[in-house]
């Protein structure tokens, strides 16, 4: 790393930079805020596909994301890492199986999210992403047999109470919220078994989905139902969807290299918060009191979950300091 002029003494020697870790942390926070802010503003982008069915937007997003990711991975020199992850035959078969599961889950999540924006249900989408950390806790308990703390159990109880209250008071389940939270939580669970970073993993996932995307696009074109090429604005939006999908991932990758998981976990709430505000202030979705009560219970649950996570993080740091002292 080259030194800046301010790091050099008059004798020409380089003065050690003592604020590099702090600068790296600031940079990581900037990357994290950028990533989650972009994700939080996705309703503004997908609302521009006026009159285009969610399924067509989904297949175009898969196609152009794959193309743009190929360019990014090539420029970043990530191909050797991808090849090494599938070096052995048995490992390749097992890894592709996990990634195929990830691909199907992320396709369902993307498609349902686009549908939620098109049908003016951004509030439900926001609730789904607020619920995701609690779904992760539940999956950890059910699938990985993880032991939960008292506050985590209370948080899960509040989430369950929120869903049941909405069912009783409104007569309907917030199914979009539940499916979004379950698919994204399950996606995260499967991704832990894949030895690839977020960008490389998404490239492999979209590559597996690409044949289905191209076949669907060919079918729509054959039957005269494709919107690609009909309007300059819509066509441009379809192409740009690949860039819009990839840019937050690049920022997120920069954040994860510089920040602790606890900090990342705190920043992630920016995404559903922005969606919540956009639903109310931009899209004018009504917020009736049973929905507000549902959100309030989820927010309290998230507060308990975050408190438990923070206490666990502090215990880990304390054990680390004790180990160093010994």
Protein backbone atom coordinates (compact mmCIF):
# COMPACT_ATOMS: atom_id res chain seq x y z
CA UNK A 1 0.00 0.00 0.00
CA UNK A 2 1.47 3.38 -0.98
CA UNK A 3 1.67 6.07 1.63
CA UNK A 4 -0.01 9.43 1.29
CA UNK A 5 2.09 12.60 1.53
CA UNK A 6 0.75 13.23 5.02
CA UNK A 7 2.18 9.87 6.19
CA UNK A 8 5.75 10.78 5.23
CA UNK A 9 8.16 12.50 7.56
CA UNK A 10 10.70 15.07 6.41
CA UNK A 11 13.39 12.40 6.38
CA UNK A 12 11.41 10.39 3.83
CA UNK A 13 10.45 7.56 6.16
CA UNK A 14 6.85 6.44 6.35
CA UNK A 15 4.97 7.10 9.57
CA UNK A 16 2.74 4.18 10.55
CA UNK A 17 -0.95 4.84 9.95
CA UNK A 18 -2.78 4.30 13.23
CA UNK A 19 -6.26 5.19 11.97
CA UNK A 20 -6.45 2.64 9.14
CA UNK A 21 -8.78 0.25 11.04
CA UNK A 22 -11.09 3.15 11.88
CA UNK A 23 -11.12 4.32 8.27
CA UNK A 24 -11.83 0.78 7.11
CA UNK A 25 -14.74 0.56 9.55
CA UNK A 26 -16.15 3.85 8.28
CA UNK A 27 -15.78 2.64 4.73
CA UNK A 28 -17.51 -0.60 5.64
CA UNK A 29 -20.41 1.25 7.24
CA UNK A 30 -20.70 3.36 4.10
CA UNK A 31 -20.80 0.24 1.94
CA UNK A 32 -23.37 -1.35 4.24
CA UNK A 33 -25.65 1.68 4.26
CA UNK A 34 -25.37 1.88 0.46
CA UNK A 35 -26.28 -1.79 0.02
CA UNK A 36 -29.28 -1.79 2.33
CA UNK A 37 -30.48 1.63 1.13
CA UNK A 38 -30.44 0.38 -2.47
CA UNK A 39 -32.34 -2.77 -1.47
CA UNK A 40 -34.79 -0.62 0.49
CA UNK A 41 -35.46 1.52 -2.58
CA UNK A 42 -36.20 -1.46 -4.85
CA UNK A 43 -39.97 -0.73 -4.75
CA UNK A 44 -39.29 2.56 -6.57
CA UNK A 45 -37.51 0.71 -9.37
CA UNK A 46 -39.90 -2.21 -9.82
CA UNK A 47 -42.94 0.07 -9.71
CA UNK A 48 -41.71 1.49 -13.04
CA UNK A 49 -42.63 -1.76 -14.85
CA UNK A 50 -46.18 -0.56 -15.35
CA UNK A 51 -48.28 -3.15 -17.17
CA UNK A 52 -45.53 -5.80 -17.34
CA UNK A 53 -46.43 -9.06 -15.55
CA UNK A 54 -44.25 -9.95 -12.57
CA UNK A 55 -43.21 -13.25 -14.20
CA UNK A 56 -41.79 -11.47 -17.25
CA UNK A 57 -39.93 -8.96 -15.07
CA UNK A 58 -38.51 -11.92 -13.13
CA UNK A 59 -37.18 -13.79 -16.17
CA UNK A 60 -35.66 -10.60 -17.58
CA UNK A 61 -34.05 -9.87 -14.21
CA UNK A 62 -32.51 -13.37 -14.15
CA UNK A 63 -31.22 -13.00 -17.73
CA UNK A 64 -29.62 -9.57 -17.36
CA UNK A 65 -28.32 -10.26 -13.84
CA UNK A 66 -26.51 -13.31 -15.18
CA UNK A 67 -24.99 -11.33 -18.05
CA UNK A 68 -23.86 -8.47 -15.82
CA UNK A 69 -22.52 -10.84 -13.15
CA UNK A 70 -20.41 -12.64 -15.78
CA UNK A 71 -18.80 -9.29 -16.62
CA UNK A 72 -18.24 -8.37 -12.96
CA UNK A 73 -16.82 -11.78 -11.97
CA UNK A 74 -14.50 -11.67 -15.00
CA UNK A 75 -13.24 -8.19 -14.13
CA UNK A 76 -12.70 -9.19 -10.49
CA UNK A 77 -10.93 -12.42 -11.43
CA UNK A 78 -13.26 -14.68 -9.45
CA UNK A 79 -13.42 -17.57 -11.95
CA UNK A 80 -10.59 -19.60 -10.30
CA UNK A 81 -12.44 -19.50 -6.97
CA UNK A 82 -15.62 -20.73 -8.63
CA UNK A 83 -13.78 -23.57 -10.38
CA UNK A 84 -11.99 -24.58 -7.17
CA UNK A 85 -15.32 -24.82 -5.35
CA UNK A 86 -16.40 -27.56 -7.76
CA UNK A 87 -13.05 -29.30 -8.23
CA UNK A 88 -14.02 -32.77 -6.99
CA UNK A 89 -16.82 -34.71 -8.65
CA UNK A 90 -18.63 -35.55 -5.42
CA UNK A 91 -18.21 -32.01 -4.08
CA UNK A 92 -19.39 -30.60 -7.41
CA UNK A 93 -22.57 -32.69 -7.41
CA UNK A 94 -23.34 -31.87 -3.79
CA UNK A 95 -22.52 -28.17 -4.26
CA UNK A 96 -24.66 -27.86 -7.39
CA UNK A 97 -27.53 -29.49 -5.51
CA UNK A 98 -27.32 -26.88 -2.75
CA UNK A 99 -27.00 -24.05 -5.28
CA UNK A 100 -29.97 -25.33 -7.28
CA UNK A 101 -32.02 -25.17 -4.10
CA UNK A 102 -30.74 -21.61 -3.52
CA UNK A 103 -31.61 -20.69 -7.11
CA UNK A 104 -35.20 -21.88 -6.80
CA UNK A 105 -35.66 -20.09 -3.48
CA UNK A 106 -34.22 -16.79 -4.72
CA UNK A 107 -36.33 -16.97 -7.90
CA UNK A 108 -39.47 -17.45 -5.81
CA UNK A 109 -38.42 -14.62 -3.50
CA UNK A 110 -37.67 -12.24 -6.38
CA UNK A 111 -40.87 -13.08 -8.23
CA UNK A 112 -43.08 -12.66 -5.17
CA UNK A 113 -41.38 -9.38 -4.26
CA UNK A 114 -42.00 -7.98 -7.74
CA UNK A 115 -45.61 -9.17 -7.50
CA UNK A 116 -45.97 -7.42 -4.12
CA UNK A 117 -44.77 -4.13 -5.60
CA UNK A 118 -47.02 -4.46 -8.67
CA UNK A 119 -50.10 -5.18 -6.52
CA UNK A 120 -49.35 -2.34 -4.08
CA UNK A 121 -48.46 -4.58 -1.14
CA UNK A 122 -45.11 -3.07 -0.23
CA UNK A 123 -46.15 -3.00 3.43
CA UNK A 124 -46.44 -6.78 3.37
CA UNK A 125 -43.02 -7.02 1.72
CA UNK A 126 -41.58 -4.75 4.41
CA UNK A 127 -43.11 -6.91 7.14
CA UNK A 128 -41.61 -10.00 5.51
CA UNK A 129 -38.09 -8.62 5.66
CA UNK A 130 -38.61 -7.43 9.23
CA UNK A 131 -39.61 -11.02 10.06
CA UNK A 132 -36.61 -12.62 8.32
CA UNK A 133 -34.16 -12.49 11.29
CA UNK A 134 -36.78 -14.18 13.48
CA UNK A 135 -37.37 -16.81 10.80
CA UNK A 136 -33.60 -17.39 10.74
CA UNK A 137 -33.71 -18.04 14.49
CA UNK A 138 -36.59 -20.49 14.05
CA UNK A 139 -34.79 -22.32 11.23
CA UNK A 140 -31.64 -22.52 13.32
CA UNK A 141 -33.62 -24.17 16.10
CA UNK A 142 -35.60 -26.56 13.88
CA UNK A 143 -32.95 -27.50 11.30
CA UNK A 144 -29.59 -26.94 12.97
CA UNK A 145 -30.79 -27.86 16.49
CA UNK A 146 -29.43 -24.61 17.88
CA UNK A 147 -30.28 -23.72 21.46
CA UNK A 148 -32.12 -20.45 21.86
CA UNK A 149 -31.80 -17.93 24.62
CA UNK A 150 -34.74 -16.71 26.68
CA UNK A 151 -35.03 -13.44 24.77
CA UNK A 152 -34.90 -15.20 21.41
CA UNK A 153 -37.75 -17.48 22.48
CA UNK A 154 -39.76 -14.45 23.52
CA UNK A 155 -39.02 -12.77 20.17
CA UNK A 156 -40.30 -15.83 18.28
CA UNK A 157 -43.40 -15.90 20.47
CA UNK A 158 -44.13 -12.26 19.64
CA UNK A 159 -43.73 -12.94 15.92
CA UNK A 160 -46.16 -15.84 16.12
CA UNK A 161 -48.60 -13.71 18.12
CA UNK A 162 -48.36 -10.96 15.48
CA UNK A 163 -49.30 -13.36 12.68
CA UNK A 164 -52.18 -14.87 14.65
CA UNK A 165 -53.51 -11.44 15.61
CA UNK A 166 -53.60 -10.35 11.99
CA UNK A 167 -55.40 -13.57 11.09
CA UNK A 168 -57.99 -13.01 13.82
CA UNK A 169 -58.48 -9.25 13.34
CA UNK A 170 -58.29 -9.05 9.54
CA UNK A 171 -59.36 -12.58 8.68
CA UNK A 172 -56.37 -13.18 6.40
CA UNK A 173 -52.82 -14.35 6.82
CA UNK A 174 -50.04 -11.98 5.66
CA UNK A 175 -49.01 -14.70 3.21
CA UNK A 176 -46.71 -12.49 1.14
CA UNK A 177 -44.79 -11.54 4.30
CA UNK A 178 -44.57 -15.15 5.44
CA UNK A 179 -43.42 -16.54 2.09
CA UNK A 180 -40.85 -13.76 1.59
CA UNK A 181 -39.44 -14.35 5.08
CA UNK A 182 -39.42 -18.15 4.70
CA UNK A 183 -37.82 -18.16 1.24
CA UNK A 184 -35.14 -15.64 2.15
CA UNK A 185 -34.44 -17.32 5.49
CA UNK A 186 -34.21 -20.75 3.85
CA UNK A 187 -32.01 -19.29 1.13
CA UNK A 188 -29.59 -18.03 3.76
CA UNK A 189 -29.58 -21.44 5.45
CA UNK A 190 -28.68 -23.25 2.21
CA UNK A 191 -26.11 -20.62 1.18
CA UNK A 192 -24.07 -21.45 4.29
CA UNK A 193 -23.34 -24.84 2.70
CA UNK A 194 -22.01 -23.28 -0.52
CA UNK A 195 -18.32 -22.17 -0.40
CA UNK A 196 -18.88 -19.15 -2.62
CA UNK A 197 -19.13 -15.44 -1.92
CA UNK A 198 -22.40 -13.61 -2.60
CA UNK A 199 -21.46 -12.42 -6.10
CA UNK A 200 -20.04 -15.71 -7.34
CA UNK A 201 -22.87 -17.66 -5.76
CA UNK A 202 -25.53 -15.50 -7.41
CA UNK A 203 -23.79 -15.93 -10.77
CA UNK A 204 -23.99 -19.73 -10.48
CA UNK A 205 -27.60 -19.50 -9.28
CA UNK A 206 -28.72 -17.29 -12.15
CA UNK A 207 -26.78 -19.50 -14.58
CA UNK A 208 -28.80 -22.50 -13.41
CA UNK A 209 -32.01 -20.50 -13.86
CA UNK A 210 -30.93 -19.09 -17.24
CA UNK A 211 -32.27 -21.98 -19.44
CA UNK A 212 -35.72 -21.64 -17.84
CA UNK A 213 -35.55 -17.87 -18.27
CA UNK A 214 -34.60 -18.11 -21.96
CA UNK A 215 -37.26 -20.76 -22.62
CA UNK A 216 -39.92 -18.59 -20.97
CA UNK A 217 -38.77 -15.54 -22.93
CA UNK A 218 -38.92 -17.53 -26.18
CA UNK A 219 -42.44 -18.71 -25.34
CA UNK A 220 -43.62 -15.16 -24.59
CA UNK A 221 -42.04 -13.86 -27.80
CA UNK A 222 -43.56 -16.69 -29.88
CA UNK A 223 -47.04 -15.86 -28.56
CA UNK A 224 -46.56 -12.10 -28.97
CA UNK A 225 -46.76 -11.44 -25.23
CA UNK A 226 -43.20 -10.22 -24.63
CA UNK A 227 -42.75 -6.56 -23.72
CA UNK A 228 -39.03 -6.62 -24.56
CA UNK A 229 -38.35 -4.35 -27.54
CA UNK A 230 -41.89 -2.97 -27.63
CA UNK A 231 -41.12 0.13 -25.55
CA UNK A 232 -37.73 1.81 -25.22
CA UNK A 233 -38.37 2.67 -21.56
CA UNK A 234 -39.45 -0.83 -20.53
CA UNK A 235 -36.67 -2.47 -22.53
CA UNK A 236 -34.08 -0.24 -20.88
CA UNK A 237 -35.51 -1.01 -17.44
CA UNK A 238 -35.28 -4.74 -18.14
CA UNK A 239 -31.62 -4.46 -19.10
CA UNK A 240 -30.84 -2.18 -16.16
CA UNK A 241 -32.47 -4.67 -13.75
CA UNK A 242 -29.28 -6.74 -13.95
CA UNK A 243 -27.17 -3.77 -12.86
CA UNK A 244 -29.66 -2.84 -10.14
CA UNK A 245 -29.50 -6.39 -8.79
CA UNK A 246 -25.70 -6.54 -8.75
CA UNK A 247 -24.74 -3.11 -7.39
CA UNK A 248 -26.05 -3.69 -3.84
CA UNK A 249 -24.22 -7.03 -3.79
CA UNK A 250 -20.95 -5.28 -4.62
CA UNK A 251 -21.52 -2.80 -1.79
CA UNK A 252 -22.54 -5.63 0.55
CA UNK A 253 -19.35 -7.54 -0.27
CA UNK A 254 -17.33 -4.45 0.63
CA UNK A 255 -19.20 -4.15 3.94
CA UNK A 256 -18.79 -7.78 5.00
CA UNK A 257 -15.01 -7.56 4.53
CA UNK A 258 -14.75 -4.63 6.93
CA UNK A 259 -17.53 -5.04 9.52
CA UNK A 260 -18.51 -7.54 12.17
CA UNK A 261 -21.64 -9.65 11.71
CA UNK A 262 -23.34 -7.79 14.56
CA UNK A 263 -22.88 -4.47 12.76
CA UNK A 264 -24.15 -5.98 9.50
CA UNK A 265 -27.15 -7.35 11.40
CA UNK A 266 -27.94 -3.88 12.75
CA UNK A 267 -27.66 -2.21 9.34
CA UNK A 268 -29.98 -4.74 7.69
CA UNK A 269 -33.02 -3.13 9.35
CA UNK A 270 -32.51 -0.13 7.06
CA UNK A 271 -33.92 -2.14 4.13
CA UNK A 272 -37.42 -2.96 5.49
CA UNK A 273 -37.60 0.41 7.24
CA UNK A 274 -37.20 2.23 3.92
CA UNK A 275 -39.76 -0.07 2.31
CA UNK A 276 -42.18 0.67 5.15
CA UNK A 277 -41.77 4.43 4.72
CA UNK A 278 -42.06 4.22 0.93
CA UNK A 279 -45.26 2.19 1.24
CA UNK A 280 -46.82 4.90 3.40
CA UNK A 281 -45.41 8.11 1.95
CA UNK A 282 -44.86 7.32 -1.74
CA UNK A 283 -47.30 4.55 -2.64
CA UNK A 284 -50.02 5.69 -0.22
CA UNK A 285 -50.83 2.22 1.10
CA UNK A 286 -53.29 2.26 4.02
CA UNK A 287 -52.05 1.14 7.42
CA UNK A 288 -54.99 -0.06 9.53
CA UNK A 289 -54.55 -0.56 13.26
CA UNK A 290 -54.33 -4.39 13.18
CA UNK A 291 -51.42 -4.08 10.74
CA UNK A 292 -49.77 -1.47 12.94
CA UNK A 293 -50.17 -3.80 15.92
CA UNK A 294 -48.54 -6.58 13.88
CA UNK A 295 -45.59 -4.35 13.03
CA UNK A 296 -45.30 -3.22 16.67
CA UNK A 297 -45.09 -6.81 17.92
CA UNK A 298 -42.48 -7.68 15.28
CA UNK A 299 -40.45 -4.58 16.18
CA UNK A 300 -40.49 -5.49 19.87
CA UNK A 301 -39.45 -9.03 18.93
CA UNK A 302 -36.59 -7.67 16.84
CA UNK A 303 -35.52 -5.51 19.77
CA UNK A 304 -35.32 -8.58 22.01
CA UNK A 305 -33.52 -10.53 19.29
CA UNK A 306 -31.00 -7.71 18.77
CA UNK A 307 -30.41 -7.40 22.51
CA UNK A 308 -29.68 -11.12 22.77
CA UNK A 309 -27.37 -10.98 19.76
CA UNK A 310 -25.51 -7.98 21.21
CA UNK A 311 -25.07 -9.70 24.57
CA UNK A 312 -23.71 -12.79 22.80
CA UNK A 313 -21.32 -10.61 20.81
CA UNK A 314 -20.04 -8.96 23.98
CA UNK A 315 -19.54 -12.33 25.68
CA UNK A 316 -17.53 -13.51 22.67
CA UNK A 317 -15.34 -10.39 22.80
CA UNK A 318 -14.84 -10.84 26.55
CA UNK A 319 -13.75 -14.46 26.10
CA UNK A 320 -11.37 -13.34 23.36
CA UNK A 321 -9.80 -10.71 25.63
CA UNK A 322 -9.48 -13.25 28.45
CA UNK A 323 -7.79 -15.68 26.09
CA UNK A 324 -5.30 -13.04 24.97
CA UNK A 325 -4.60 -12.04 28.55
CA UNK A 326 -3.81 -15.64 29.47
